[in-house]
Amino acid sequence: MVRVISQETYDEVVQENMQEFDMSAEEAIQDAINQFEAQAECNKDIARRVKAGKEGAYTLLLELLQARHKVTMETANEKDATFIINVLNTLIALMDVQPDLLDQKGVDVIKSILDNTEDENILIATLKWISTCCIKHEINRQRLFAKNIASNLKSLLQVGNNVKLLSEVLSVIRKFPLDDDIRVEFGKAHDHARELGFQLLEPLTNLLKEHTKPPLVSELMSTIASLLVRHELCATVAESGADVLFSVLADNSENAAVVQQASKLITALAGNDDVKRQLVKSGIVPIIVLLLTRHASNASTTASTLKCMAALTLREPPHSRLFYDCGAPEAIVDCLKRHPENEAVQKNGCWAIRNMVARCRDMNPKFKELGVEPILFAAYERFLKDFGFDVKSALRDLECDVKFDEQWTGKGVELKQ
């Protein structure tokens, strides 16, 4: 696709170069051409982005962005806003898969834009840039977080009905609890999630009450779940937002994507035993079984729902009884039969079975009657290296004939006193 640059935008860049960077007319024209060529080229592949980065494209773009942003802080207009958005989009293209280019000056510019800009389109582009900088880059996340970006995100959650802006805010929030940078031995994902949880869970829960249907409902639940790293945070959400979960599931029972995110949120909330009991007491069990049955053909949703079931039954025999009475064994075995080669379905199904029967062995005959034993042995053969122990654990608690390998054996050497 050919990217078209308007004459007006081109003239603005040339004038900017001449006025802000004291370039001659020829230098300004050539620099403008190089800048626009870099923005078409950077979208093609990583090799072109790396070359542009080595040639100083980041430094030039950042200087252009900083200079024009200073102007807009005094007298904002549509032309300046368009220019800034173009520069931000170029930075996004340039830094895709090479976030190392971000330096402290760039962090300061990001913070200045968030602090001093009301133009929602500029904010959307800036948030997209932040997300690009944070993927697989722990140092960038820590630098940005140290600038108290949480306060900006909290303010932006109050923007109202701008779905695009809210979506980008939620995307940025989800980036900070990531632990995806293999170059860093110990990151601050937990610290980021905890701090964001204390500051943002209340407004996020309130937004969930307002947006119980797509397009934002899934993103809101995913974002909330990513921040639930402490028991008190789970309790906070349960206290003010447990009821809304039932509304979400009722309004979107046919939507597999929403059900999947709701299951993940319930799983996260169930990390707090008191919250888990509250959810079950509120009547979540028959809903979970119904949704598992309804979306049994969707592997991703099935895997998430089985994991949710496993979390709700962990160390809770009364919960297991409720699931049993609601037809969970039939639903679980049916899902395992439908997705024999799906690792997540088979693994989470094993967990769900194990947690149900571990302290309720009288359920074993029902599972065996449904034919679960050959299904699990087949899963063991297929996924031996990945989660063979989990399969064997489920078979053991079902009282099937299974042998565990001895992991550590002594050599019979007598210890000296």
Protein backbone atom coordinates (compact mmCIF):
# COMPACT_ATOMS: atom_id res chain seq x y z
CA MET A 1 0.00 0.00 0.00
CA VAL A 2 1.33 3.47 -0.94
CA ARG A 3 1.33 5.93 1.92
CA VAL A 4 0.17 9.40 0.74
CA ILE A 5 1.67 12.47 2.43
CA SER A 6 -0.33 15.66 1.93
CA GLN A 7 1.34 18.81 0.68
CA GLU A 8 0.23 20.59 3.82
CA THR A 9 1.92 18.05 6.10
CA TYR A 10 5.06 18.12 3.98
CA ASP A 11 5.23 21.94 4.14
CA GLU A 12 4.79 21.88 7.90
CA VAL A 13 7.72 19.51 8.38
CA VAL A 14 9.96 21.62 6.15
CA GLN A 15 9.03 24.80 8.06
CA GLU A 16 9.56 23.00 11.37
CA ASN A 17 13.06 21.95 10.34
CA MET A 18 13.98 25.47 9.26
CA GLN A 19 12.54 27.26 12.29
CA GLU A 20 13.26 24.83 15.14
CA PHE A 21 16.52 23.27 13.95
CA ASP A 22 18.01 26.18 12.01
CA MET A 23 18.33 24.17 8.78
CA SER A 24 18.75 25.66 5.34
CA ALA A 25 15.89 25.22 2.87
CA GLU A 26 17.70 22.39 1.07
CA GLU A 27 18.56 20.63 4.34
CA ALA A 28 15.01 21.02 5.60
CA ILE A 29 13.52 19.57 2.41
CA GLN A 30 15.90 16.62 2.34
CA ASP A 31 15.31 15.89 6.02
CA ALA A 32 11.52 15.97 5.50
CA ILE A 33 11.84 13.53 2.62
CA ASN A 34 14.05 11.23 4.70
CA GLN A 35 11.60 11.35 7.59
CA PHE A 36 8.59 10.37 5.49
CA GLU A 37 10.55 7.65 3.71
CA ALA A 38 11.55 6.23 7.08
CA GLN A 39 7.85 6.14 8.16
CA ALA A 40 6.89 4.08 5.09
CA GLU A 41 9.94 1.85 5.32
CA CYS A 42 9.74 1.19 9.07
CA ASN A 43 6.47 -0.67 8.66
CA LYS A 44 7.97 -3.17 6.19
CA ASP A 45 10.20 -5.34 8.40
CA ILE A 46 12.52 -5.38 11.40
CA ALA A 47 15.66 -4.99 9.27
CA ARG A 48 14.50 -1.61 7.99
CA ARG A 49 13.53 -0.52 11.52
CA VAL A 50 16.94 -1.47 12.89
CA LYS A 51 18.71 0.38 10.09
CA ALA A 52 16.59 3.48 10.67
CA GLY A 53 17.38 3.32 14.39
CA LYS A 54 21.11 3.09 13.74
CA GLU A 55 20.91 6.05 11.37
CA GLY A 56 19.56 8.30 14.15
CA ALA A 57 15.88 8.29 13.23
CA TYR A 58 14.79 8.01 16.86
CA THR A 59 16.77 11.05 17.99
CA LEU A 60 15.47 13.17 15.12
CA LEU A 61 11.86 12.14 15.64
CA LEU A 62 12.06 12.76 19.37
CA GLU A 63 13.45 16.25 18.80
CA LEU A 64 10.66 17.02 16.35
CA LEU A 65 8.06 15.69 18.78
CA GLN A 66 9.46 17.63 21.73
CA ALA A 67 9.71 20.89 19.79
CA ARG A 68 6.18 20.75 18.40
CA HIS A 69 4.75 19.62 21.73
CA LYS A 70 6.20 22.73 23.40
CA VAL A 71 4.41 24.83 20.82
CA THR A 72 1.07 23.11 21.41
CA MET A 73 1.37 23.63 25.16
CA GLU A 74 1.12 27.35 24.47
CA THR A 75 -1.26 27.50 21.49
CA ALA A 76 -2.80 24.22 20.37
CA ASN A 77 -4.23 23.90 16.86
CA GLU A 78 -5.33 21.14 14.51
CA LYS A 79 -2.23 21.36 12.30
CA ASP A 80 0.12 20.89 15.22
CA ALA A 81 -1.95 17.99 16.52
CA THR A 82 -1.80 16.26 13.13
CA PHE A 83 1.96 16.74 12.98
CA ILE A 84 2.46 15.31 16.46
CA ILE A 85 0.29 12.29 15.67
CA ASN A 86 2.31 11.65 12.50
CA VAL A 87 5.57 11.74 14.47
CA LEU A 88 4.15 9.46 17.17
CA ASN A 89 2.96 6.96 14.57
CA THR A 90 6.42 6.98 13.02
CA LEU A 91 8.00 6.33 16.42
CA ILE A 92 5.59 3.42 16.94
CA ALA A 93 6.59 1.95 13.58
CA LEU A 94 10.29 2.53 14.25
CA MET A 95 10.30 0.98 17.74
CA ASP A 96 8.15 -2.04 17.01
CA VAL A 97 10.24 -5.00 18.27
CA GLN A 98 13.15 -2.67 19.11
CA PRO A 99 12.04 -0.81 22.26
CA ASP A 100 15.68 -0.42 23.32
CA LEU A 101 15.69 2.92 21.50
CA LEU A 102 13.69 4.57 24.27
CA ASP A 103 15.91 6.69 26.53
CA GLN A 104 15.25 8.88 29.55
CA LYS A 105 14.56 11.87 27.32
CA GLY A 106 11.86 9.87 25.57
CA VAL A 107 10.36 8.90 28.92
CA ASP A 108 10.30 12.57 29.93
CA VAL A 109 8.55 13.52 26.67
CA ILE A 110 5.92 10.81 27.22
CA LYS A 111 5.26 12.09 30.73
CA SER A 112 5.04 15.69 29.52
CA ILE A 113 2.48 14.76 26.85
CA LEU A 114 0.35 12.84 29.36
CA ASP A 115 0.53 15.71 31.84
CA ASN A 116 -0.20 18.55 29.43
CA THR A 117 -2.33 17.22 26.59
CA GLU A 118 -6.10 17.06 26.32
CA ASP A 119 -6.30 16.13 22.64
CA GLU A 120 -7.64 12.57 22.76
CA ASN A 121 -6.11 11.55 19.43
CA ILE A 122 -2.65 12.59 20.60
CA LEU A 123 -3.22 10.70 23.84
CA ILE A 124 -4.27 7.57 21.94
CA ALA A 125 -1.11 7.70 19.81
CA THR A 126 1.04 8.31 22.89
CA LEU A 127 -0.49 5.36 24.71
CA LYS A 128 0.17 3.14 21.69
CA TRP A 129 3.79 4.30 21.78
CA ILE A 130 4.00 3.44 25.48
CA SER A 131 2.65 -0.06 24.81
CA THR A 132 5.23 -0.57 22.07
CA CYS A 133 8.01 0.54 24.41
CA CYS A 134 6.88 -1.77 27.23
CA ILE A 135 6.62 -5.08 25.35
CA LYS A 136 9.50 -7.36 26.40
CA HIS A 137 11.39 -4.45 27.99
CA GLU A 138 11.50 -4.38 31.79
CA ILE A 139 13.76 -1.32 32.06
CA ASN A 140 11.36 0.78 29.99
CA ARG A 141 8.48 -0.31 32.21
CA GLN A 142 10.41 0.64 35.33
CA ARG A 143 11.47 4.01 33.92
CA LEU A 144 7.92 4.89 32.95
CA PHE A 145 6.47 3.63 36.21
CA ALA A 146 8.99 5.71 38.17
CA LYS A 147 7.52 8.83 36.53
CA ASN A 148 4.21 8.16 38.32
CA ILE A 149 2.44 7.21 35.12
CA ALA A 150 -0.15 5.45 37.28
CA SER A 151 -1.69 8.81 38.16
CA ASN A 152 -2.07 9.65 34.46
CA LEU A 153 -3.69 6.30 33.75
CA LYS A 154 -6.11 6.82 36.61
CA SER A 155 -7.12 10.21 35.24
CA LEU A 156 -7.57 8.82 31.74
CA LEU A 157 -9.95 6.15 33.04
CA GLN A 158 -12.38 9.00 33.70
CA VAL A 159 -12.57 10.10 30.05
CA GLY A 160 -16.11 8.88 29.56
CA ASN A 161 -17.26 7.20 26.38
CA ASN A 162 -14.18 7.41 24.17
CA VAL A 163 -13.86 3.66 23.63
CA LYS A 164 -10.61 3.91 21.65
CA LEU A 165 -8.91 5.95 24.35
CA LEU A 166 -10.12 3.68 27.15
CA SER A 167 -8.98 0.64 25.20
CA GLU A 168 -5.46 2.03 24.86
CA VAL A 169 -5.37 2.95 28.56
CA LEU A 170 -6.32 -0.62 29.46
CA SER A 171 -3.69 -1.97 27.09
CA VAL A 172 -0.98 0.10 28.79
CA ILE A 173 -2.11 -1.00 32.26
CA ARG A 174 -1.80 -4.65 31.23
CA LYS A 175 1.77 -4.10 30.03
CA PHE A 176 3.20 -3.18 33.44
CA PRO A 177 2.47 -6.51 35.21
CA LEU A 178 4.21 -8.42 32.39
CA ASP A 179 7.29 -10.50 33.11
CA ASP A 180 8.39 -11.14 29.53
CA ASP A 181 11.93 -9.71 29.36
CA ILE A 182 14.32 -12.68 29.50
CA ARG A 183 17.29 -10.33 29.83
CA VAL A 184 16.23 -9.32 33.35
CA GLU A 185 16.55 -11.90 36.12
CA PHE A 186 14.24 -10.17 38.59
CA GLY A 187 11.63 -7.73 37.32
CA LYS A 188 9.03 -5.65 39.13
CA ALA A 189 5.90 -7.14 37.60
CA HIS A 190 4.42 -7.96 41.01
CA ASP A 191 5.24 -4.52 42.41
CA HIS A 192 3.70 -2.81 39.39
CA ALA A 193 0.56 -4.93 39.59
CA ARG A 194 0.18 -4.30 43.32
CA GLU A 195 0.59 -0.53 43.04
CA LEU A 196 -1.70 -0.28 40.02
CA GLY A 197 -4.20 -2.51 41.80
CA PHE A 198 -4.41 -0.24 44.82
CA GLN A 199 -4.84 2.84 42.62
CA LEU A 200 -6.94 1.57 39.72
CA LEU A 201 -9.12 -1.36 40.74
CA GLU A 202 -11.91 0.85 42.03
CA PRO A 203 -12.28 2.91 38.82
CA LEU A 204 -11.80 -0.24 36.71
CA THR A 205 -14.58 -2.03 38.60
CA ASN A 206 -16.84 0.98 38.18
CA LEU A 207 -16.15 0.97 34.45
CA LEU A 208 -17.02 -2.73 34.30
CA LYS A 209 -20.41 -1.90 35.79
CA GLU A 210 -20.94 0.60 32.97
CA HIS A 211 -19.61 -1.62 30.18
CA THR A 212 -21.04 -5.11 30.62
CA LYS A 213 -21.06 -5.78 26.87
CA PRO A 214 -18.45 -5.57 24.09
CA PRO A 215 -16.31 -3.88 22.99
CA LEU A 216 -14.78 -3.01 26.39
CA VAL A 217 -16.06 -5.72 28.72
CA SER A 218 -13.41 -8.32 27.83
CA GLU A 219 -10.56 -5.83 28.07
CA LEU A 220 -11.79 -4.59 31.43
CA MET A 221 -11.98 -8.09 32.90
CA SER A 222 -8.57 -9.00 31.49
CA THR A 223 -7.05 -5.82 32.96
CA ILE A 224 -8.62 -6.35 36.38
CA ALA A 225 -7.43 -9.98 36.45
CA SER A 226 -3.85 -8.92 35.65
CA LEU A 227 -3.73 -6.78 38.81
CA LEU A 228 -5.08 -9.33 41.31
CA VAL A 229 -1.78 -10.33 42.90
CA ARG A 230 -2.76 -9.94 46.58
CA HIS A 231 -5.61 -11.26 48.71
CA GLU A 232 -6.78 -7.80 49.70
CA LEU A 233 -7.02 -6.77 46.04
CA CYS A 234 -9.21 -9.79 45.30
CA ALA A 235 -11.38 -8.85 48.27
CA THR A 236 -11.68 -5.26 47.02
CA VAL A 237 -12.99 -6.36 43.63
CA ALA A 238 -15.30 -8.98 45.13
CA GLU A 239 -16.78 -6.48 47.53
CA SER A 240 -17.76 -3.97 44.86
CA GLY A 241 -17.84 -5.99 41.65
CA ALA A 242 -18.84 -9.61 42.30
CA ASP A 243 -22.44 -8.96 41.30
CA VAL A 244 -21.41 -7.43 38.00
CA LEU A 245 -19.77 -10.71 37.00
CA PHE A 246 -23.16 -12.38 37.01
CA SER A 247 -24.54 -9.58 34.87
CA VAL A 248 -21.66 -9.92 32.42
CA LEU A 249 -22.16 -13.67 32.11
CA ALA A 250 -25.90 -13.27 31.74
CA ASP A 251 -25.55 -10.62 29.05
CA ASN A 252 -22.83 -12.46 27.12
CA SER A 253 -23.45 -16.15 27.68
CA GLU A 254 -23.22 -16.82 23.93
CA ASN A 255 -20.02 -14.81 23.45
CA ALA A 256 -17.07 -17.21 23.78
CA ALA A 257 -14.46 -14.43 24.04
CA VAL A 258 -16.27 -12.70 26.92
CA VAL A 259 -16.87 -16.01 28.72
CA GLN A 260 -13.17 -16.78 28.40
CA GLN A 261 -12.11 -13.50 30.04
CA ALA A 262 -14.79 -13.84 32.72
CA SER A 263 -13.45 -17.30 33.56
CA LYS A 264 -9.93 -15.89 33.88
CA LEU A 265 -11.17 -13.14 36.19
CA ILE A 266 -13.05 -15.62 38.39
CA THR A 267 -9.91 -17.79 38.51
CA ALA A 268 -7.87 -14.82 39.69
CA LEU A 269 -10.48 -13.86 42.31
CA ALA A 270 -10.53 -17.46 43.57
CA GLY A 271 -6.95 -17.02 44.73
CA ASN A 272 -8.54 -15.60 47.87
CA ASP A 273 -10.31 -18.47 49.69
CA ASP A 274 -12.90 -16.18 51.26
CA VAL A 275 -13.75 -14.68 47.88
CA LYS A 276 -13.91 -18.15 46.36
CA ARG A 277 -16.47 -19.23 48.96
CA GLN A 278 -18.43 -16.03 48.43
CA LEU A 279 -18.61 -16.64 44.67
CA VAL A 280 -19.82 -20.22 45.15
CA LYS A 281 -22.34 -19.14 47.76
CA SER A 282 -23.64 -16.56 45.28
CA GLY A 283 -24.48 -19.30 42.78
CA ILE A 284 -21.60 -19.28 40.32
CA VAL A 285 -21.28 -23.10 40.10
CA PRO A 286 -24.26 -23.97 37.85
CA ILE A 287 -23.37 -21.01 35.62
CA ILE A 288 -19.81 -22.31 35.14
CA VAL A 289 -21.03 -25.80 34.26
CA LEU A 290 -23.59 -24.39 31.83
CA LEU A 291 -20.98 -22.23 30.12
CA LEU A 292 -18.54 -25.15 29.89
CA THR A 293 -21.23 -27.19 28.15
CA ARG A 294 -22.34 -24.34 25.89
CA HIS A 295 -18.84 -23.52 24.65
CA ALA A 296 -17.42 -27.05 24.65
CA SER A 297 -16.49 -26.76 20.97
CA ASN A 298 -14.27 -23.71 21.59
CA ALA A 299 -10.89 -24.95 22.85
CA SER A 300 -9.65 -21.65 24.31
CA THR A 301 -12.86 -20.91 26.20
CA THR A 302 -13.06 -24.54 27.36
CA ALA A 303 -9.51 -24.41 28.72
CA SER A 304 -10.19 -21.18 30.65
CA THR A 305 -13.45 -22.51 32.08
CA LEU A 306 -11.85 -25.78 33.19
CA LYS A 307 -9.09 -23.82 34.93
CA CYS A 308 -11.76 -21.71 36.63
CA MET A 309 -13.50 -24.89 37.81
CA ALA A 310 -10.20 -26.24 39.14
CA ALA A 311 -9.61 -23.02 41.09
CA LEU A 312 -13.08 -23.03 42.64
CA THR A 313 -12.81 -26.67 43.79
CA LEU A 314 -9.26 -26.53 45.14
CA ARG A 315 -9.28 -27.76 48.77
CA GLU A 316 -13.06 -27.23 48.92
CA PRO A 317 -15.03 -30.54 49.07
CA PRO A 318 -18.40 -28.73 49.41
CA HIS A 319 -17.70 -26.92 46.16
CA SER A 320 -16.81 -30.18 44.48
CA ARG A 321 -20.16 -31.62 45.60
CA LEU A 322 -22.00 -28.70 44.05
CA PHE A 323 -20.15 -29.09 40.76
CA TYR A 324 -20.84 -32.83 40.80
CA ASP A 325 -24.54 -32.29 41.38
CA CYS A 326 -24.67 -29.75 38.52
CA GLY A 327 -23.29 -32.26 36.01
CA ALA A 328 -19.62 -31.24 35.98
CA PRO A 329 -18.25 -34.79 35.38
CA GLU A 330 -20.21 -35.16 32.16
CA ALA A 331 -19.17 -31.69 30.97
CA ILE A 332 -15.48 -32.23 31.79
CA VAL A 333 -15.23 -35.62 30.10
CA ASP A 334 -17.07 -34.34 27.04
CA CYS A 335 -14.55 -31.48 26.69
CA LEU A 336 -11.60 -33.86 27.05
CA LYS A 337 -13.06 -36.04 24.30
CA ARG A 338 -13.62 -33.08 21.99
CA HIS A 339 -10.08 -31.67 22.30
CA PRO A 340 -7.67 -34.63 22.71
CA GLU A 341 -4.72 -32.75 21.19
CA ASN A 342 -5.20 -29.41 22.95
CA GLU A 343 -2.61 -29.11 25.69
CA ALA A 344 -4.44 -26.47 27.75
CA VAL A 345 -7.75 -28.33 27.70
CA GLN A 346 -6.17 -31.63 28.72
CA LYS A 347 -4.02 -30.10 31.44
CA ASN A 348 -6.76 -27.96 32.98
CA GLY A 349 -9.19 -30.86 32.71
CA CYS A 350 -6.79 -33.00 34.74
CA TRP A 351 -6.59 -30.30 37.39
CA ALA A 352 -10.36 -29.96 37.55
CA ILE A 353 -10.83 -33.73 37.95
CA ARG A 354 -8.09 -34.02 40.54
CA ASN A 355 -9.40 -31.15 42.66
CA MET A 356 -12.93 -32.51 42.54
CA VAL A 357 -12.14 -36.09 43.54
CA ALA A 358 -9.10 -35.59 45.77
CA ARG A 359 -11.27 -35.35 48.90
CA CYS A 360 -14.43 -36.86 47.44
CA ARG A 361 -13.41 -40.32 46.25
CA ASP A 362 -17.03 -41.41 46.01
CA MET A 363 -17.14 -39.44 42.75
CA ASN A 364 -14.61 -41.76 41.11
CA PRO A 365 -17.12 -44.37 39.85
CA LYS A 366 -19.01 -41.67 37.95
CA PHE A 367 -15.90 -40.40 36.15
CA LYS A 368 -14.83 -43.96 35.30
CA GLU A 369 -18.31 -44.78 34.06
CA LEU A 370 -18.02 -41.82 31.68
CA GLY A 371 -14.82 -43.29 30.24
CA VAL A 372 -12.29 -40.84 31.63
CA GLU A 373 -9.56 -43.43 32.30
CA PRO A 374 -8.56 -44.22 28.68
CA ILE A 375 -8.81 -40.51 27.84
CA LEU A 376 -6.29 -39.64 30.56
CA PHE A 377 -3.93 -42.45 29.62
CA ALA A 378 -4.01 -41.20 26.02
CA ALA A 379 -3.26 -37.66 27.29
CA TYR A 380 -0.34 -39.05 29.29
CA GLU A 381 1.18 -40.64 26.20
CA ARG A 382 0.69 -37.48 24.16
CA PHE A 383 1.83 -34.91 26.77
CA LEU A 384 4.24 -36.95 28.87
CA LYS A 385 7.06 -34.40 28.71
CA ASP A 386 4.82 -31.38 29.23
CA PHE A 387 2.58 -32.33 32.16
CA GLY A 388 2.74 -36.08 32.58
CA PHE A 389 2.84 -35.74 36.36
CA ASP A 390 -0.46 -33.85 36.39
CA VAL A 391 -2.14 -36.58 34.36
CA LYS A 392 -0.80 -39.28 36.64
CA SER A 393 -1.95 -37.32 39.69
CA ALA A 394 -5.49 -37.22 38.33
CA LEU A 395 -5.36 -40.96 37.59
CA ARG A 396 -4.03 -41.65 41.08
CA ASP A 397 -6.84 -39.69 42.76
CA LEU A 398 -9.32 -41.50 40.55
CA GLU A 399 -7.83 -44.69 42.03
CA CYS A 400 -6.73 -45.98 38.66
CA ASP A 401 -3.82 -48.38 38.23
CA VAL A 402 -0.90 -46.00 37.77
CA LYS A 403 2.73 -46.07 38.86
CA PHE A 404 4.85 -43.05 39.70
CA ASP A 405 8.54 -42.94 38.87
CA GLU A 406 10.81 -42.45 41.85
CA GLN A 407 12.55 -39.14 41.28
CA TRP A 408 15.27 -39.36 43.91
CA THR A 409 16.82 -42.54 45.25
CA GLY A 410 19.47 -43.02 47.91
CA LYS A 411 22.57 -45.15 47.38
CA GLY A 412 22.49 -46.82 50.78
CA VAL A 413 25.59 -45.05 52.06
CA GLU A 414 25.80 -44.98 55.85
CA LEU A 415 26.11 -41.51 57.33
CA LYS A 416 28.96 -40.98 59.75
CA GLN A 417 28.09 -39.64 63.16
